[in-house]
Amino acid sequence: MESRSQQPLTEALFYILLAAREPIHGYGIIQEVAEMTGGRVNLGPGTLYGAINSMLEKGWIVLHSADPGSRKKKEYVITGLGREVFAAELRRLRELVLNGEKMEGGT
């Protein structure tokens, strides 16, 4: 996927995709994102499930739970397309940091 054809990810989408590298349920995503960011990013349920629904529609994540009738919490996992989107965003962010560091070093 060409990064120029993709809109930048929101911070919430970036961290949800990162958390979904292994099957994980919604509350687990909230916990993992808070842990990864030292509590700086706290996903509310509305933000989380709105993002999850959007990413399911785009094919970036899939429902991992095998038994739809199960009482077990739904788990989500990133897809190949989601990994491509994540990788493109990571390249974009690295470019931002690299250029910012050049500017900082040149002053």
N, C-alpha and C. Protein backbone atom coordinates (compact mmCIF):
# COMPACT_ATOMS: atom_id res chain seq x y z
N MET A 1 0.85 -1.18 0.00
CA MET A 1 0.00 0.00 0.00
C MET A 1 0.89 1.24 0.00
N GLU A 2 0.63 2.14 -0.87
CA GLU A 2 1.37 3.40 -0.98
C GLU A 2 0.89 4.36 0.09
N SER A 3 1.80 4.87 0.91
CA SER A 3 1.41 5.71 2.04
C SER A 3 0.73 6.99 1.59
N ARG A 4 1.05 7.49 0.39
CA ARG A 4 0.43 8.74 -0.07
C ARG A 4 -1.06 8.59 -0.33
N SER A 5 -1.52 7.37 -0.58
CA SER A 5 -2.92 7.14 -0.87
C SER A 5 -3.75 6.96 0.40
N GLN A 6 -3.11 6.94 1.53
CA GLN A 6 -3.77 6.68 2.80
C GLN A 6 -3.77 7.95 3.66
N GLN A 7 -4.90 8.22 4.25
CA GLN A 7 -4.97 9.32 5.21
C GLN A 7 -4.20 8.92 6.47
N PRO A 8 -3.59 9.88 7.15
CA PRO A 8 -2.92 9.54 8.41
C PRO A 8 -3.91 8.91 9.39
N LEU A 9 -3.43 7.97 10.16
CA LEU A 9 -4.27 7.33 11.18
C LEU A 9 -4.39 8.25 12.38
N THR A 10 -5.52 8.20 13.03
CA THR A 10 -5.63 8.87 14.32
C THR A 10 -4.79 8.08 15.31
N GLU A 11 -4.46 8.71 16.40
CA GLU A 11 -3.68 8.03 17.43
C GLU A 11 -4.43 6.81 17.95
N ALA A 12 -5.75 6.94 18.10
CA ALA A 12 -6.55 5.82 18.59
C ALA A 12 -6.47 4.64 17.62
N LEU A 13 -6.65 4.88 16.32
CA LEU A 13 -6.57 3.79 15.34
C LEU A 13 -5.19 3.14 15.34
N PHE A 14 -4.15 3.96 15.41
CA PHE A 14 -2.79 3.44 15.44
C PHE A 14 -2.60 2.47 16.61
N TYR A 15 -3.01 2.89 17.79
CA TYR A 15 -2.81 2.05 18.98
C TYR A 15 -3.73 0.84 18.99
N ILE A 16 -4.93 0.95 18.45
CA ILE A 16 -5.82 -0.21 18.39
C ILE A 16 -5.22 -1.27 17.47
N LEU A 17 -4.73 -0.85 16.31
CA LEU A 17 -4.08 -1.81 15.40
C LEU A 17 -2.86 -2.44 16.06
N LEU A 18 -2.09 -1.66 16.78
CA LEU A 18 -0.92 -2.18 17.47
C LEU A 18 -1.33 -3.21 18.54
N ALA A 19 -2.37 -2.89 19.28
CA ALA A 19 -2.84 -3.81 20.32
C ALA A 19 -3.41 -5.10 19.74
N ALA A 20 -3.96 -5.02 18.52
CA ALA A 20 -4.61 -6.18 17.91
C ALA A 20 -3.64 -7.09 17.16
N ARG A 21 -2.35 -6.96 17.42
CA ARG A 21 -1.37 -7.83 16.75
C ARG A 21 -1.57 -9.29 17.19
N GLU A 22 -2.20 -9.48 18.34
CA GLU A 22 -2.63 -10.80 18.83
C GLU A 22 -4.11 -10.67 19.16
N PRO A 23 -4.88 -11.75 19.12
CA PRO A 23 -6.30 -11.64 19.45
C PRO A 23 -6.51 -10.99 20.83
N ILE A 24 -7.41 -10.02 20.87
CA ILE A 24 -7.64 -9.26 22.10
C ILE A 24 -9.07 -8.73 22.12
N HIS A 25 -9.67 -8.69 23.30
CA HIS A 25 -11.03 -8.17 23.42
C HIS A 25 -10.98 -6.66 23.69
N GLY A 26 -12.12 -6.01 23.57
CA GLY A 26 -12.19 -4.56 23.67
C GLY A 26 -11.60 -3.99 24.94
N TYR A 27 -11.96 -4.57 26.09
CA TYR A 27 -11.43 -4.05 27.35
C TYR A 27 -9.92 -4.26 27.42
N GLY A 28 -9.45 -5.35 26.84
CA GLY A 28 -8.01 -5.60 26.79
C GLY A 28 -7.30 -4.55 25.96
N ILE A 29 -7.93 -4.10 24.87
CA ILE A 29 -7.36 -3.03 24.05
C ILE A 29 -7.24 -1.76 24.87
N ILE A 30 -8.31 -1.41 25.59
CA ILE A 30 -8.29 -0.21 26.44
C ILE A 30 -7.13 -0.28 27.43
N GLN A 31 -6.98 -1.42 28.08
CA GLN A 31 -5.92 -1.61 29.07
C GLN A 31 -4.53 -1.54 28.43
N GLU A 32 -4.35 -2.23 27.31
CA GLU A 32 -3.04 -2.28 26.68
C GLU A 32 -2.61 -0.91 26.16
N VAL A 33 -3.54 -0.18 25.56
CA VAL A 33 -3.21 1.16 25.06
C VAL A 33 -2.83 2.08 26.21
N ALA A 34 -3.57 2.02 27.30
CA ALA A 34 -3.23 2.85 28.46
C ALA A 34 -1.85 2.48 28.99
N GLU A 35 -1.54 1.18 29.02
CA GLU A 35 -0.23 0.73 29.50
C GLU A 35 0.89 1.18 28.57
N MET A 36 0.68 1.02 27.24
CA MET A 36 1.71 1.39 26.27
C MET A 36 2.03 2.88 26.33
N THR A 37 1.03 3.70 26.64
CA THR A 37 1.21 5.15 26.61
C THR A 37 1.40 5.74 28.00
N GLY A 38 1.59 4.91 28.99
CA GLY A 38 1.75 5.41 30.34
C GLY A 38 0.53 6.16 30.84
N GLY A 39 -0.64 5.79 30.35
CA GLY A 39 -1.89 6.42 30.76
C GLY A 39 -2.24 7.69 29.99
N ARG A 40 -1.38 8.09 29.07
CA ARG A 40 -1.64 9.31 28.30
C ARG A 40 -2.84 9.16 27.37
N VAL A 41 -3.01 7.97 26.78
CA VAL A 41 -4.14 7.73 25.89
C VAL A 41 -5.12 6.79 26.60
N ASN A 42 -6.29 7.30 26.88
CA ASN A 42 -7.35 6.51 27.50
C ASN A 42 -8.52 6.43 26.54
N LEU A 43 -8.73 5.26 25.98
CA LEU A 43 -9.82 5.07 25.02
C LEU A 43 -11.13 4.84 25.76
N GLY A 44 -12.12 5.66 25.45
CA GLY A 44 -13.45 5.43 25.99
C GLY A 44 -14.15 4.37 25.15
N PRO A 45 -15.17 3.72 25.72
CA PRO A 45 -15.88 2.68 24.98
C PRO A 45 -16.46 3.17 23.65
N GLY A 46 -17.00 4.37 23.62
CA GLY A 46 -17.57 4.90 22.38
C GLY A 46 -16.53 5.05 21.29
N THR A 47 -15.38 5.61 21.66
CA THR A 47 -14.27 5.77 20.71
C THR A 47 -13.78 4.41 20.24
N LEU A 48 -13.58 3.51 21.19
CA LEU A 48 -13.06 2.19 20.87
C LEU A 48 -13.98 1.43 19.92
N TYR A 49 -15.24 1.31 20.28
CA TYR A 49 -16.13 0.48 19.47
C TYR A 49 -16.50 1.14 18.16
N GLY A 50 -16.51 2.47 18.10
CA GLY A 50 -16.69 3.17 16.82
C GLY A 50 -15.52 2.86 15.89
N ALA A 51 -14.30 2.91 16.46
CA ALA A 51 -13.09 2.61 15.67
C ALA A 51 -13.08 1.14 15.24
N ILE A 52 -13.44 0.25 16.15
CA ILE A 52 -13.47 -1.18 15.82
C ILE A 52 -14.45 -1.43 14.67
N ASN A 53 -15.64 -0.86 14.73
CA ASN A 53 -16.62 -1.06 13.66
C ASN A 53 -16.09 -0.54 12.33
N SER A 54 -15.44 0.63 12.36
CA SER A 54 -14.87 1.19 11.14
C SER A 54 -13.77 0.28 10.58
N MET A 55 -12.91 -0.20 11.44
CA MET A 55 -11.81 -1.07 10.99
C MET A 55 -12.31 -2.43 10.52
N LEU A 56 -13.39 -2.94 11.12
CA LEU A 56 -13.99 -4.18 10.63
C LEU A 56 -14.52 -3.98 9.21
N GLU A 57 -15.20 -2.85 8.97
CA GLU A 57 -15.74 -2.55 7.64
C GLU A 57 -14.63 -2.40 6.60
N LYS A 58 -13.49 -1.82 7.00
CA LYS A 58 -12.38 -1.61 6.07
C LYS A 58 -11.53 -2.86 5.87
N GLY A 59 -11.77 -3.87 6.71
CA GLY A 59 -10.99 -5.10 6.59
C GLY A 59 -9.63 -5.03 7.26
N TRP A 60 -9.44 -4.06 8.16
CA TRP A 60 -8.15 -3.92 8.86
C TRP A 60 -8.04 -4.87 10.03
N ILE A 61 -9.16 -5.24 10.62
CA ILE A 61 -9.22 -6.23 11.70
C ILE A 61 -10.37 -7.18 11.40
N VAL A 62 -10.35 -8.33 12.04
CA VAL A 62 -11.46 -9.28 11.93
C VAL A 62 -11.82 -9.77 13.33
N LEU A 63 -13.04 -10.26 13.42
CA LEU A 63 -13.49 -10.89 14.65
C LEU A 63 -12.80 -12.24 14.75
N HIS A 64 -12.12 -12.47 15.83
CA HIS A 64 -11.32 -13.70 15.98
C HIS A 64 -12.10 -14.81 16.68
N SER A 65 -13.04 -14.47 17.53
CA SER A 65 -13.78 -15.47 18.29
C SER A 65 -14.41 -16.48 17.35
N ALA A 66 -14.20 -17.74 17.63
CA ALA A 66 -14.65 -18.81 16.73
C ALA A 66 -16.14 -19.10 16.88
N ASP A 67 -16.68 -19.03 18.07
CA ASP A 67 -18.06 -19.43 18.32
C ASP A 67 -18.94 -18.21 18.55
N PRO A 68 -19.76 -17.83 17.55
CA PRO A 68 -20.60 -16.64 17.70
C PRO A 68 -21.62 -16.76 18.83
N GLY A 69 -21.97 -17.97 19.24
CA GLY A 69 -22.92 -18.16 20.33
C GLY A 69 -22.27 -18.19 21.70
N SER A 70 -20.96 -18.09 21.72
CA SER A 70 -20.21 -18.18 22.97
C SER A 70 -20.44 -16.95 23.83
N ARG A 71 -20.38 -17.14 25.15
CA ARG A 71 -20.49 -16.02 26.09
C ARG A 71 -19.13 -15.34 26.28
N LYS A 72 -18.11 -15.93 25.69
CA LYS A 72 -16.77 -15.35 25.76
C LYS A 72 -16.77 -14.00 25.06
N LYS A 73 -15.98 -13.06 25.57
CA LYS A 73 -15.89 -11.74 24.96
C LYS A 73 -15.37 -11.85 23.53
N LYS A 74 -15.86 -10.96 22.66
CA LYS A 74 -15.38 -10.94 21.28
C LYS A 74 -13.93 -10.50 21.27
N GLU A 75 -13.15 -11.20 20.48
CA GLU A 75 -11.74 -10.85 20.30
C GLU A 75 -11.53 -10.42 18.86
N TYR A 76 -10.61 -9.46 18.70
CA TYR A 76 -10.31 -8.91 17.38
C TYR A 76 -8.82 -9.12 17.12
N VAL A 77 -8.48 -9.23 15.83
CA VAL A 77 -7.07 -9.39 15.45
C VAL A 77 -6.85 -8.67 14.12
N ILE A 78 -5.66 -8.12 13.97
CA ILE A 78 -5.31 -7.38 12.76
C ILE A 78 -5.21 -8.33 11.56
N THR A 79 -5.57 -7.84 10.39
CA THR A 79 -5.48 -8.61 9.14
C THR A 79 -4.21 -8.22 8.38
N GLY A 80 -3.97 -8.90 7.28
CA GLY A 80 -2.85 -8.53 6.41
C GLY A 80 -2.99 -7.10 5.92
N LEU A 81 -4.19 -6.71 5.53
CA LEU A 81 -4.43 -5.34 5.08
C LEU A 81 -4.18 -4.35 6.22
N GLY A 82 -4.63 -4.71 7.41
CA GLY A 82 -4.40 -3.85 8.57
C GLY A 82 -2.91 -3.68 8.84
N ARG A 83 -2.15 -4.75 8.66
CA ARG A 83 -0.69 -4.67 8.86
C ARG A 83 -0.06 -3.74 7.81
N GLU A 84 -0.57 -3.78 6.57
CA GLU A 84 -0.07 -2.88 5.53
C GLU A 84 -0.36 -1.43 5.88
N VAL A 85 -1.58 -1.17 6.33
CA VAL A 85 -1.98 0.19 6.72
C VAL A 85 -1.11 0.67 7.88
N PHE A 86 -0.90 -0.20 8.87
CA PHE A 86 -0.07 0.14 10.02
C PHE A 86 1.36 0.43 9.59
N ALA A 87 1.91 -0.41 8.72
CA ALA A 87 3.29 -0.23 8.26
C ALA A 87 3.44 1.09 7.50
N ALA A 88 2.45 1.43 6.67
CA ALA A 88 2.50 2.70 5.93
C ALA A 88 2.48 3.88 6.90
N GLU A 89 1.67 3.78 7.94
CA GLU A 89 1.60 4.86 8.93
C GLU A 89 2.92 4.96 9.70
N LEU A 90 3.51 3.84 10.01
CA LEU A 90 4.79 3.83 10.72
C LEU A 90 5.87 4.50 9.88
N ARG A 91 5.88 4.23 8.57
CA ARG A 91 6.84 4.89 7.68
C ARG A 91 6.61 6.41 7.66
N ARG A 92 5.34 6.80 7.60
CA ARG A 92 5.01 8.23 7.60
C ARG A 92 5.49 8.91 8.89
N LEU A 93 5.25 8.26 10.01
CA LEU A 93 5.66 8.83 11.30
C LEU A 93 7.18 8.89 11.42
N ARG A 94 7.87 7.87 10.93
CA ARG A 94 9.34 7.89 10.96
C ARG A 94 9.88 9.05 10.14
N GLU A 95 9.26 9.31 8.98
CA GLU A 95 9.67 10.43 8.14
C GLU A 95 9.47 11.75 8.89
N LEU A 96 8.34 11.88 9.57
CA LEU A 96 8.09 13.10 10.35
C LEU A 96 9.17 13.32 11.40
N VAL A 97 9.48 12.25 12.13
CA VAL A 97 10.49 12.36 13.19
C VAL A 97 11.86 12.68 12.59
N LEU A 98 12.24 12.00 11.52
CA LEU A 98 13.53 12.24 10.87
C LEU A 98 13.65 13.69 10.44
N ASN A 99 12.62 14.20 9.76
CA ASN A 99 12.66 15.59 9.31
C ASN A 99 12.64 16.57 10.47
N GLY A 100 11.91 16.24 11.52
CA GLY A 100 11.90 17.10 12.70
C GLY A 100 13.27 17.15 13.37
N GLU A 101 13.93 15.99 13.43
CA GLU A 101 15.26 15.94 14.02
C GLU A 101 16.28 16.72 13.19
N LYS A 102 16.12 16.68 11.85
CA LYS A 102 17.00 17.48 10.99
C LYS A 102 16.82 18.96 11.30
N MET A 103 15.59 19.38 11.43
CA MET A 103 15.29 20.78 11.71
C MET A 103 15.85 21.18 13.07
N GLU A 104 15.67 20.31 14.06
CA GLU A 104 16.14 20.59 15.41
C GLU A 104 17.67 20.67 15.44
N GLY A 105 18.33 19.80 14.68
CA GLY A 105 19.79 19.79 14.63
C GLY A 105 20.36 20.95 13.84
N GLY A 106 19.55 21.53 12.96
CA GLY A 106 20.02 22.63 12.12
C GLY A 106 19.84 24.01 12.73
N THR A 107 19.24 24.09 13.90
CA THR A 107 19.02 25.40 14.53
C THR A 107 20.14 25.78 15.45
